[in-house]
Amino acid sequence: AAVVRDAALDAGAVEPDRPITVDAPEPVVITGDDGRLRQVVANLVANARVHTPVSAPLHLRAALQGDGPTALAVVEVRDEGPGMAPEVAERAFERFFRADPARTRHTGGSGLGLSIVDAVVRAHGGTVSLDSAPGRGTTVRATFPLAPPVHDEPTDTETF
């Protein structure tokens, strides 16, 4: 939840006129590399910013999905931009893929952002998916296993 809120603050500093909402009402704890997890969310937000007009709202969410031992942590970045054609959406996580071949590294990135997201999410035991269509925006959803619960075992010297 903190990672999602921080990413929204960063995006708002870069684009203060862009509408950004955050839905992260409670902590969602996973085990992982803080820097890499922040990179995942930052890449998703940057990708949404680059491929949508500044008037297109961004929605960030961190939540629990399910309950009990099968519960997952979910992070979503959704935009209300133009969306992607199916053939573009199918290839979005490929390394070096750019939807517009006329874009260069200087004007459109290296084509690695979403492939990095995919690799980092998988390295953390999770999955990532993309839902998009022309005219209805794009949602990228990453799911992660939750951190195992911490059980503090009482010792003989603890006071209850």
N, C-alpha and C. Protein backbone atom coordinates (compact mmCIF):
# COMPACT_ATOMS: atom_id res chain seq x y z
N ALA A 1 0.83 -1.19 0.00
CA ALA A 1 0.00 0.00 0.00
C ALA A 1 0.88 1.26 0.00
N ALA A 2 1.95 1.25 0.79
CA ALA A 2 2.85 2.40 0.84
C ALA A 2 3.54 2.62 -0.50
N VAL A 3 3.92 1.54 -1.16
CA VAL A 3 4.59 1.65 -2.46
C VAL A 3 3.64 2.30 -3.48
N VAL A 4 2.39 1.90 -3.48
CA VAL A 4 1.41 2.46 -4.40
C VAL A 4 1.16 3.94 -4.10
N ARG A 5 1.02 4.27 -2.82
CA ARG A 5 0.81 5.68 -2.45
C ARG A 5 2.01 6.53 -2.85
N ASP A 6 3.22 6.03 -2.61
CA ASP A 6 4.43 6.78 -2.98
C ASP A 6 4.50 7.00 -4.49
N ALA A 7 4.16 5.98 -5.27
CA ALA A 7 4.19 6.12 -6.73
C ALA A 7 3.18 7.17 -7.19
N ALA A 8 2.03 7.22 -6.57
CA ALA A 8 1.02 8.23 -6.92
C ALA A 8 1.53 9.63 -6.59
N LEU A 9 2.19 9.78 -5.46
CA LEU A 9 2.76 11.09 -5.10
C LEU A 9 3.83 11.51 -6.10
N ASP A 10 4.68 10.57 -6.50
CA ASP A 10 5.72 10.88 -7.48
C ASP A 10 5.11 11.29 -8.81
N ALA A 11 4.10 10.55 -9.27
CA ALA A 11 3.45 10.88 -10.54
C ALA A 11 2.77 12.24 -10.46
N GLY A 12 2.15 12.53 -9.32
CA GLY A 12 1.49 13.83 -9.14
C GLY A 12 2.48 14.99 -9.14
N ALA A 13 3.70 14.73 -8.67
CA ALA A 13 4.72 15.78 -8.69
C ALA A 13 5.17 16.07 -10.12
N VAL A 14 5.23 15.04 -10.95
CA VAL A 14 5.65 15.19 -12.34
C VAL A 14 4.53 15.78 -13.19
N GLU A 15 3.31 15.32 -12.94
CA GLU A 15 2.15 15.78 -13.71
C GLU A 15 1.06 16.24 -12.74
N PRO A 16 1.20 17.44 -12.18
CA PRO A 16 0.23 17.88 -11.17
C PRO A 16 -1.19 18.05 -11.69
N ASP A 17 -1.38 18.15 -13.00
CA ASP A 17 -2.72 18.33 -13.55
C ASP A 17 -3.41 17.00 -13.87
N ARG A 18 -2.69 15.88 -13.75
CA ARG A 18 -3.30 14.59 -14.06
C ARG A 18 -4.11 14.11 -12.87
N PRO A 19 -5.35 13.69 -13.09
CA PRO A 19 -6.13 13.10 -12.00
C PRO A 19 -5.56 11.72 -11.64
N ILE A 20 -5.24 11.53 -10.35
CA ILE A 20 -4.69 10.26 -9.88
C ILE A 20 -5.44 9.87 -8.61
N THR A 21 -5.95 8.65 -8.59
CA THR A 21 -6.60 8.15 -7.38
C THR A 21 -5.83 6.94 -6.87
N VAL A 22 -5.92 6.76 -5.56
CA VAL A 22 -5.27 5.62 -4.91
C VAL A 22 -6.30 4.91 -4.05
N ASP A 23 -6.36 3.60 -4.20
CA ASP A 23 -7.20 2.77 -3.36
C ASP A 23 -6.27 1.77 -2.68
N ALA A 24 -5.86 2.09 -1.46
CA ALA A 24 -4.96 1.24 -0.69
C ALA A 24 -5.30 1.43 0.79
N PRO A 25 -6.46 0.91 1.19
CA PRO A 25 -6.96 1.21 2.53
C PRO A 25 -6.24 0.52 3.68
N GLU A 26 -5.52 -0.57 3.38
CA GLU A 26 -4.87 -1.29 4.47
C GLU A 26 -3.52 -1.82 4.01
N PRO A 27 -2.64 -2.08 4.95
CA PRO A 27 -1.35 -2.65 4.55
C PRO A 27 -1.54 -4.02 3.90
N VAL A 28 -0.77 -4.24 2.86
CA VAL A 28 -0.73 -5.53 2.17
C VAL A 28 0.74 -5.91 2.18
N VAL A 29 1.09 -6.92 2.94
CA VAL A 29 2.50 -7.23 3.18
C VAL A 29 2.93 -8.45 2.36
N ILE A 30 4.00 -8.24 1.60
CA ILE A 30 4.61 -9.35 0.88
C ILE A 30 6.10 -9.36 1.22
N THR A 31 6.74 -10.47 0.95
CA THR A 31 8.18 -10.58 1.16
C THR A 31 8.85 -10.29 -0.17
N GLY A 32 9.79 -9.34 -0.18
CA GLY A 32 10.45 -9.04 -1.43
C GLY A 32 11.45 -7.92 -1.31
N ASP A 33 12.02 -7.59 -2.43
CA ASP A 33 13.02 -6.54 -2.54
C ASP A 33 12.28 -5.20 -2.73
N ASP A 34 12.36 -4.35 -1.72
CA ASP A 34 11.63 -3.08 -1.74
C ASP A 34 11.94 -2.26 -2.99
N GLY A 35 13.20 -2.15 -3.34
CA GLY A 35 13.59 -1.36 -4.51
C GLY A 35 13.01 -1.90 -5.80
N ARG A 36 13.03 -3.21 -5.96
CA ARG A 36 12.49 -3.83 -7.18
C ARG A 36 10.97 -3.72 -7.23
N LEU A 37 10.32 -3.87 -6.09
CA LEU A 37 8.86 -3.74 -6.06
C LEU A 37 8.45 -2.30 -6.37
N ARG A 38 9.21 -1.35 -5.87
CA ARG A 38 8.94 0.05 -6.22
C ARG A 38 9.16 0.28 -7.71
N GLN A 39 10.18 -0.38 -8.28
CA GLN A 39 10.44 -0.27 -9.71
C GLN A 39 9.26 -0.79 -10.52
N VAL A 40 8.64 -1.88 -10.08
CA VAL A 40 7.47 -2.43 -10.76
C VAL A 40 6.38 -1.37 -10.86
N VAL A 41 6.02 -0.79 -9.73
CA VAL A 41 4.93 0.19 -9.72
C VAL A 41 5.33 1.45 -10.48
N ALA A 42 6.57 1.89 -10.31
CA ALA A 42 7.04 3.08 -11.04
C ALA A 42 7.00 2.85 -12.55
N ASN A 43 7.41 1.66 -13.00
CA ASN A 43 7.36 1.36 -14.44
C ASN A 43 5.93 1.35 -14.96
N LEU A 44 5.02 0.77 -14.18
CA LEU A 44 3.62 0.74 -14.60
C LEU A 44 3.04 2.14 -14.70
N VAL A 45 3.33 2.97 -13.72
CA VAL A 45 2.82 4.34 -13.73
C VAL A 45 3.46 5.13 -14.87
N ALA A 46 4.76 4.99 -15.06
CA ALA A 46 5.44 5.70 -16.14
C ALA A 46 4.88 5.28 -17.50
N ASN A 47 4.64 4.00 -17.67
CA ASN A 47 4.08 3.50 -18.92
C ASN A 47 2.70 4.11 -19.18
N ALA A 48 1.88 4.15 -18.15
CA ALA A 48 0.55 4.75 -18.29
C ALA A 48 0.66 6.24 -18.62
N ARG A 49 1.58 6.93 -17.96
CA ARG A 49 1.75 8.37 -18.20
C ARG A 49 2.19 8.64 -19.63
N VAL A 50 3.16 7.85 -20.12
CA VAL A 50 3.73 8.08 -21.44
C VAL A 50 2.71 7.82 -22.54
N HIS A 51 1.83 6.85 -22.33
CA HIS A 51 0.93 6.42 -23.40
C HIS A 51 -0.49 6.96 -23.28
N THR A 52 -0.69 7.93 -22.40
CA THR A 52 -2.01 8.54 -22.26
C THR A 52 -1.86 10.06 -22.19
N PRO A 53 -2.89 10.79 -22.57
CA PRO A 53 -2.84 12.25 -22.40
C PRO A 53 -2.90 12.60 -20.92
N VAL A 54 -2.37 13.75 -20.56
CA VAL A 54 -2.34 14.16 -19.16
C VAL A 54 -3.74 14.30 -18.56
N SER A 55 -4.74 14.42 -19.40
CA SER A 55 -6.12 14.52 -18.90
C SER A 55 -6.69 13.14 -18.54
N ALA A 56 -6.01 12.07 -18.93
CA ALA A 56 -6.52 10.71 -18.65
C ALA A 56 -6.20 10.33 -17.21
N PRO A 57 -7.21 10.06 -16.42
CA PRO A 57 -6.98 9.68 -15.02
C PRO A 57 -6.21 8.37 -14.89
N LEU A 58 -5.43 8.29 -13.82
CA LEU A 58 -4.75 7.06 -13.43
C LEU A 58 -5.33 6.60 -12.10
N HIS A 59 -5.49 5.30 -11.96
CA HIS A 59 -6.03 4.71 -10.73
C HIS A 59 -5.06 3.63 -10.26
N LEU A 60 -4.57 3.78 -9.05
CA LEU A 60 -3.65 2.81 -8.47
C LEU A 60 -4.34 2.12 -7.32
N ARG A 61 -4.10 0.82 -7.20
CA ARG A 61 -4.77 0.05 -6.15
C ARG A 61 -3.82 -0.99 -5.58
N ALA A 62 -3.88 -1.17 -4.28
CA ALA A 62 -3.20 -2.27 -3.58
C ALA A 62 -4.24 -2.87 -2.65
N ALA A 63 -4.43 -4.18 -2.74
CA ALA A 63 -5.48 -4.81 -1.95
C ALA A 63 -5.18 -6.29 -1.76
N LEU A 64 -5.95 -6.89 -0.88
CA LEU A 64 -5.93 -8.34 -0.72
C LEU A 64 -6.97 -8.95 -1.63
N GLN A 65 -6.64 -10.09 -2.19
CA GLN A 65 -7.60 -10.85 -3.00
C GLN A 65 -7.77 -12.21 -2.33
N GLY A 66 -8.98 -12.53 -1.97
CA GLY A 66 -9.24 -13.79 -1.30
C GLY A 66 -8.93 -13.72 0.18
N ASP A 67 -8.96 -14.88 0.82
CA ASP A 67 -8.64 -14.93 2.23
C ASP A 67 -8.01 -16.28 2.57
N GLY A 68 -7.49 -16.36 3.74
CA GLY A 68 -6.85 -17.60 4.17
C GLY A 68 -5.55 -17.86 3.45
N PRO A 69 -5.16 -19.11 3.36
CA PRO A 69 -3.85 -19.45 2.80
C PRO A 69 -3.72 -19.20 1.29
N THR A 70 -4.84 -19.00 0.62
CA THR A 70 -4.77 -18.74 -0.83
C THR A 70 -4.85 -17.26 -1.16
N ALA A 71 -4.90 -16.41 -0.15
CA ALA A 71 -4.99 -14.97 -0.39
C ALA A 71 -3.75 -14.46 -1.11
N LEU A 72 -3.94 -13.43 -1.92
CA LEU A 72 -2.86 -12.82 -2.68
C LEU A 72 -2.86 -11.32 -2.46
N ALA A 73 -1.71 -10.72 -2.67
CA ALA A 73 -1.60 -9.27 -2.74
C ALA A 73 -1.80 -8.87 -4.19
N VAL A 74 -2.57 -7.82 -4.42
CA VAL A 74 -2.86 -7.35 -5.78
C VAL A 74 -2.44 -5.88 -5.88
N VAL A 75 -1.72 -5.58 -6.95
CA VAL A 75 -1.37 -4.20 -7.28
C VAL A 75 -1.87 -3.96 -8.70
N GLU A 76 -2.65 -2.90 -8.86
CA GLU A 76 -3.18 -2.56 -10.18
C GLU A 76 -2.85 -1.11 -10.52
N VAL A 77 -2.52 -0.89 -11.77
CA VAL A 77 -2.42 0.45 -12.32
C VAL A 77 -3.35 0.47 -13.53
N ARG A 78 -4.36 1.33 -13.45
CA ARG A 78 -5.36 1.42 -14.51
C ARG A 78 -5.38 2.85 -15.04
N ASP A 79 -5.44 2.97 -16.34
CA ASP A 79 -5.56 4.31 -16.93
C ASP A 79 -6.86 4.39 -17.73
N GLU A 80 -7.29 5.60 -17.97
CA GLU A 80 -8.48 5.84 -18.78
C GLU A 80 -8.07 6.43 -20.13
N GLY A 81 -6.94 5.94 -20.64
CA GLY A 81 -6.42 6.41 -21.92
C GLY A 81 -7.03 5.70 -23.10
N PRO A 82 -6.34 5.76 -24.23
CA PRO A 82 -6.90 5.22 -25.47
C PRO A 82 -6.93 3.70 -25.54
N GLY A 83 -6.22 3.01 -24.68
CA GLY A 83 -6.19 1.55 -24.73
C GLY A 83 -5.28 1.05 -25.84
N MET A 84 -5.19 -0.27 -25.93
CA MET A 84 -4.31 -0.90 -26.92
C MET A 84 -5.11 -1.84 -27.82
N ALA A 85 -4.64 -1.95 -29.03
CA ALA A 85 -5.20 -2.95 -29.94
C ALA A 85 -4.80 -4.33 -29.42
N PRO A 86 -5.60 -5.36 -29.68
CA PRO A 86 -5.27 -6.70 -29.17
C PRO A 86 -3.88 -7.19 -29.55
N GLU A 87 -3.44 -6.93 -30.78
CA GLU A 87 -2.12 -7.40 -31.19
C GLU A 87 -0.99 -6.69 -30.45
N VAL A 88 -1.22 -5.48 -30.01
CA VAL A 88 -0.23 -4.75 -29.20
C VAL A 88 -0.25 -5.29 -27.78
N ALA A 89 -1.43 -5.45 -27.22
CA ALA A 89 -1.56 -5.95 -25.85
C ALA A 89 -0.91 -7.33 -25.69
N GLU A 90 -1.04 -8.18 -26.71
CA GLU A 90 -0.44 -9.53 -26.67
C GLU A 90 1.07 -9.49 -26.53
N ARG A 91 1.70 -8.45 -27.07
CA ARG A 91 3.16 -8.38 -27.09
C ARG A 91 3.73 -7.40 -26.07
N ALA A 92 2.90 -6.79 -25.27
CA ALA A 92 3.33 -5.70 -24.39
C ALA A 92 4.45 -6.08 -23.44
N PHE A 93 4.53 -7.34 -23.01
CA PHE A 93 5.56 -7.74 -22.05
C PHE A 93 6.83 -8.26 -22.71
N GLU A 94 6.88 -8.26 -24.04
CA GLU A 94 8.08 -8.70 -24.75
C GLU A 94 9.20 -7.67 -24.61
N ARG A 95 10.41 -8.18 -24.45
CA ARG A 95 11.57 -7.29 -24.37
C ARG A 95 11.72 -6.52 -25.67
N PHE A 96 12.00 -5.23 -25.54
CA PHE A 96 12.28 -4.31 -26.65
C PHE A 96 11.09 -4.06 -27.57
N PHE A 97 9.90 -4.51 -27.18
CA PHE A 97 8.73 -4.27 -28.02
C PHE A 97 8.25 -2.84 -27.84
N ARG A 98 8.02 -2.17 -28.95
CA ARG A 98 7.42 -0.84 -28.97
C ARG A 98 6.22 -0.90 -29.89
N ALA A 99 5.10 -0.43 -29.43
CA ALA A 99 3.87 -0.47 -30.24
C ALA A 99 4.01 0.38 -31.49
N ASP A 100 4.72 1.50 -31.37
CA ASP A 100 4.90 2.41 -32.50
C ASP A 100 6.35 2.31 -32.95
N PRO A 101 6.63 1.66 -34.08
CA PRO A 101 8.02 1.50 -34.52
C PRO A 101 8.71 2.82 -34.83
N ALA A 102 7.96 3.89 -34.99
CA ALA A 102 8.57 5.19 -35.27
C ALA A 102 9.19 5.81 -34.02
N ARG A 103 8.83 5.29 -32.85
CA ARG A 103 9.38 5.83 -31.60
C ARG A 103 10.80 5.33 -31.42
N THR A 104 11.64 6.19 -30.92
CA THR A 104 13.03 5.80 -30.65
C THR A 104 13.25 5.80 -29.15
N ARG A 105 14.41 5.35 -28.74
CA ARG A 105 14.74 5.37 -27.31
C ARG A 105 14.62 6.77 -26.73
N HIS A 106 14.94 7.78 -27.55
CA HIS A 106 14.93 9.15 -27.05
C HIS A 106 13.52 9.70 -26.90
N THR A 107 12.56 9.16 -27.64
CA THR A 107 11.19 9.67 -27.55
C THR A 107 10.21 8.67 -26.98
N GLY A 108 10.63 7.43 -26.77
CA GLY A 108 9.65 6.46 -26.33
C GLY A 108 10.17 5.34 -25.47
N GLY A 109 11.35 5.46 -24.92
CA GLY A 109 11.87 4.42 -24.06
C GLY A 109 12.50 3.28 -24.84
N SER A 110 12.97 2.29 -24.11
CA SER A 110 13.72 1.18 -24.72
C SER A 110 12.85 -0.02 -25.02
N GLY A 111 11.59 0.00 -24.60
CA GLY A 111 10.75 -1.16 -24.78
C GLY A 111 11.00 -2.24 -23.74
N LEU A 112 11.59 -1.85 -22.61
CA LEU A 112 11.89 -2.81 -21.55
C LEU A 112 11.01 -2.68 -20.31
N GLY A 113 10.28 -1.59 -20.17
CA GLY A 113 9.53 -1.33 -18.94
C GLY A 113 8.63 -2.47 -18.50
N LEU A 114 7.77 -2.94 -19.39
CA LEU A 114 6.84 -4.00 -18.99
C LEU A 114 7.51 -5.36 -18.91
N SER A 115 8.58 -5.58 -19.68
CA SER A 115 9.29 -6.86 -19.53
C SER A 115 10.03 -6.91 -18.19
N ILE A 116 10.50 -5.77 -17.71
CA ILE A 116 11.12 -5.71 -16.38
C ILE A 116 10.05 -5.98 -15.33
N VAL A 117 8.88 -5.37 -15.49
CA VAL A 117 7.77 -5.62 -14.56
C VAL A 117 7.49 -7.12 -14.49
N ASP A 118 7.36 -7.76 -15.64
CA ASP A 118 7.07 -9.18 -15.69
C ASP A 118 8.15 -10.00 -14.97
N ALA A 119 9.41 -9.70 -15.25
CA ALA A 119 10.51 -10.46 -14.64
C ALA A 119 10.56 -10.29 -13.13
N VAL A 120 10.38 -9.07 -12.66
CA VAL A 120 10.44 -8.81 -11.21
C VAL A 120 9.26 -9.46 -10.50
N VAL A 121 8.08 -9.34 -11.08
CA VAL A 121 6.90 -9.94 -10.46
C VAL A 121 7.07 -11.46 -10.39
N ARG A 122 7.52 -12.08 -11.47
CA ARG A 122 7.74 -13.54 -11.46
C ARG A 122 8.82 -13.93 -10.46
N ALA A 123 9.87 -13.12 -10.34
CA ALA A 123 10.94 -13.42 -9.38
C ALA A 123 10.42 -13.38 -7.94
N HIS A 124 9.33 -12.67 -7.72
CA HIS A 124 8.71 -12.60 -6.39
C HIS A 124 7.57 -13.61 -6.25
N GLY A 125 7.49 -14.56 -7.16
CA GLY A 125 6.48 -15.62 -7.09
C GLY A 125 5.11 -15.20 -7.56
N GLY A 126 5.03 -14.07 -8.27
CA GLY A 126 3.74 -13.55 -8.69
C GLY A 126 3.47 -13.70 -10.17
N THR A 127 2.36 -13.10 -10.58
CA THR A 127 1.96 -13.08 -11.98
C THR A 127 1.56 -11.66 -12.35
N VAL A 128 1.63 -11.36 -13.64
CA VAL A 128 1.21 -10.05 -14.12
C VAL A 128 0.35 -10.25 -15.36
N SER A 129 -0.70 -9.44 -15.48
CA SER A 129 -1.58 -9.52 -16.63
C SER A 129 -1.96 -8.13 -17.09
N LEU A 130 -2.43 -8.06 -18.31
CA LEU A 130 -2.81 -6.79 -18.90
C LEU A 130 -4.18 -6.94 -19.54
N ASP A 131 -5.04 -5.98 -19.29
CA ASP A 131 -6.37 -5.96 -19.88
C ASP A 131 -6.53 -4.61 -20.56
N SER A 132 -6.73 -4.61 -21.86
CA SER A 132 -6.82 -3.36 -22.59
C SER A 132 -7.64 -3.55 -23.86
N ALA A 133 -8.24 -2.50 -24.31
CA ALA A 133 -8.94 -2.48 -25.59
C ALA A 133 -9.04 -1.03 -26.04
N PRO A 134 -9.03 -0.82 -27.34
CA PRO A 134 -9.15 0.55 -27.83
C PRO A 134 -10.41 1.23 -27.27
N GLY A 135 -10.22 2.44 -26.77
CA GLY A 135 -11.33 3.22 -26.25
C GLY A 135 -11.70 2.97 -24.81
N ARG A 136 -11.07 2.00 -24.14
CA ARG A 136 -11.44 1.77 -22.74
C ARG A 136 -10.27 1.70 -21.77
N GLY A 137 -9.11 2.13 -22.19
CA GLY A 137 -7.97 2.20 -21.28
C GLY A 137 -7.28 0.87 -21.07
N THR A 138 -6.36 0.87 -20.13
CA THR A 138 -5.53 -0.29 -19.86
C THR A 138 -5.41 -0.51 -18.36
N THR A 139 -5.48 -1.77 -17.95
CA THR A 139 -5.24 -2.14 -16.57
C THR A 139 -4.14 -3.19 -16.55
N VAL A 140 -3.10 -2.93 -15.77
CA VAL A 140 -2.06 -3.92 -15.54
C VAL A 140 -2.20 -4.35 -14.08
N ARG A 141 -2.25 -5.67 -13.90
CA ARG A 141 -2.51 -6.24 -12.58
C ARG A 141 -1.42 -7.22 -12.22
N ALA A 142 -0.78 -6.97 -11.09
CA ALA A 142 0.25 -7.88 -10.57
C ALA A 142 -0.27 -8.51 -9.29
N THR A 143 -0.10 -9.82 -9.17
CA THR A 143 -0.47 -10.51 -7.93
C THR A 143 0.77 -11.15 -7.34
N PHE A 144 0.82 -11.16 -6.02
CA PHE A 144 1.96 -11.69 -5.29
C PHE A 144 1.48 -12.55 -4.13
N PRO A 145 2.26 -13.57 -3.76
CA PRO A 145 1.92 -14.29 -2.53
C PRO A 145 2.16 -13.37 -1.33
N LEU A 146 1.33 -13.55 -0.33
CA LEU A 146 1.49 -12.74 0.89
C LEU A 146 2.70 -13.22 1.68
N ALA A 147 3.23 -12.33 2.50
CA ALA A 147 4.30 -12.71 3.41
C ALA A 147 3.75 -13.70 4.43
N PRO A 148 4.55 -14.68 4.81
CA PRO A 148 4.05 -15.62 5.82
C PRO A 148 3.80 -14.88 7.13
N PRO A 149 2.80 -15.31 7.89
CA PRO A 149 2.53 -14.64 9.16
C PRO A 149 3.70 -14.80 10.12
N VAL A 150 3.89 -13.78 10.91
CA VAL A 150 4.95 -13.81 11.92
C VAL A 150 4.35 -14.33 13.21
N HIS A 151 4.93 -15.38 13.73
CA HIS A 151 4.47 -15.95 14.99
C HIS A 151 5.56 -15.74 16.02
N ASP A 152 5.28 -14.88 16.95
CA ASP A 152 6.22 -14.66 18.03
C ASP A 152 5.98 -15.74 19.09
N GLU A 153 6.96 -16.59 19.25
CA GLU A 153 6.85 -17.63 20.25
C GLU A 153 7.24 -17.06 21.60
N PRO A 154 6.42 -17.25 22.61
CA PRO A 154 6.79 -16.74 23.94
C PRO A 154 7.99 -17.49 24.49
N THR A 155 8.80 -16.77 25.21
CA THR A 155 9.93 -17.40 25.89
C THR A 155 9.65 -17.43 27.38
N ASP A 156 10.47 -18.12 28.12
CA ASP A 156 10.28 -18.22 29.56
C ASP A 156 10.38 -16.89 30.27
N THR A 157 11.06 -15.92 29.67
CA THR A 157 11.29 -14.65 30.36
C THR A 157 10.29 -13.58 29.98
N GLU A 158 9.37 -13.87 29.06
CA GLU A 158 8.41 -12.85 28.67
C GLU A 158 7.32 -12.71 29.70
N THR A 159 6.84 -11.49 29.83
CA THR A 159 5.73 -11.20 30.73
C THR A 159 4.48 -11.02 29.91
N PHE A 160 3.40 -11.64 30.34
CA PHE A 160 2.13 -11.56 29.63
C PHE A 160 1.16 -10.70 30.37
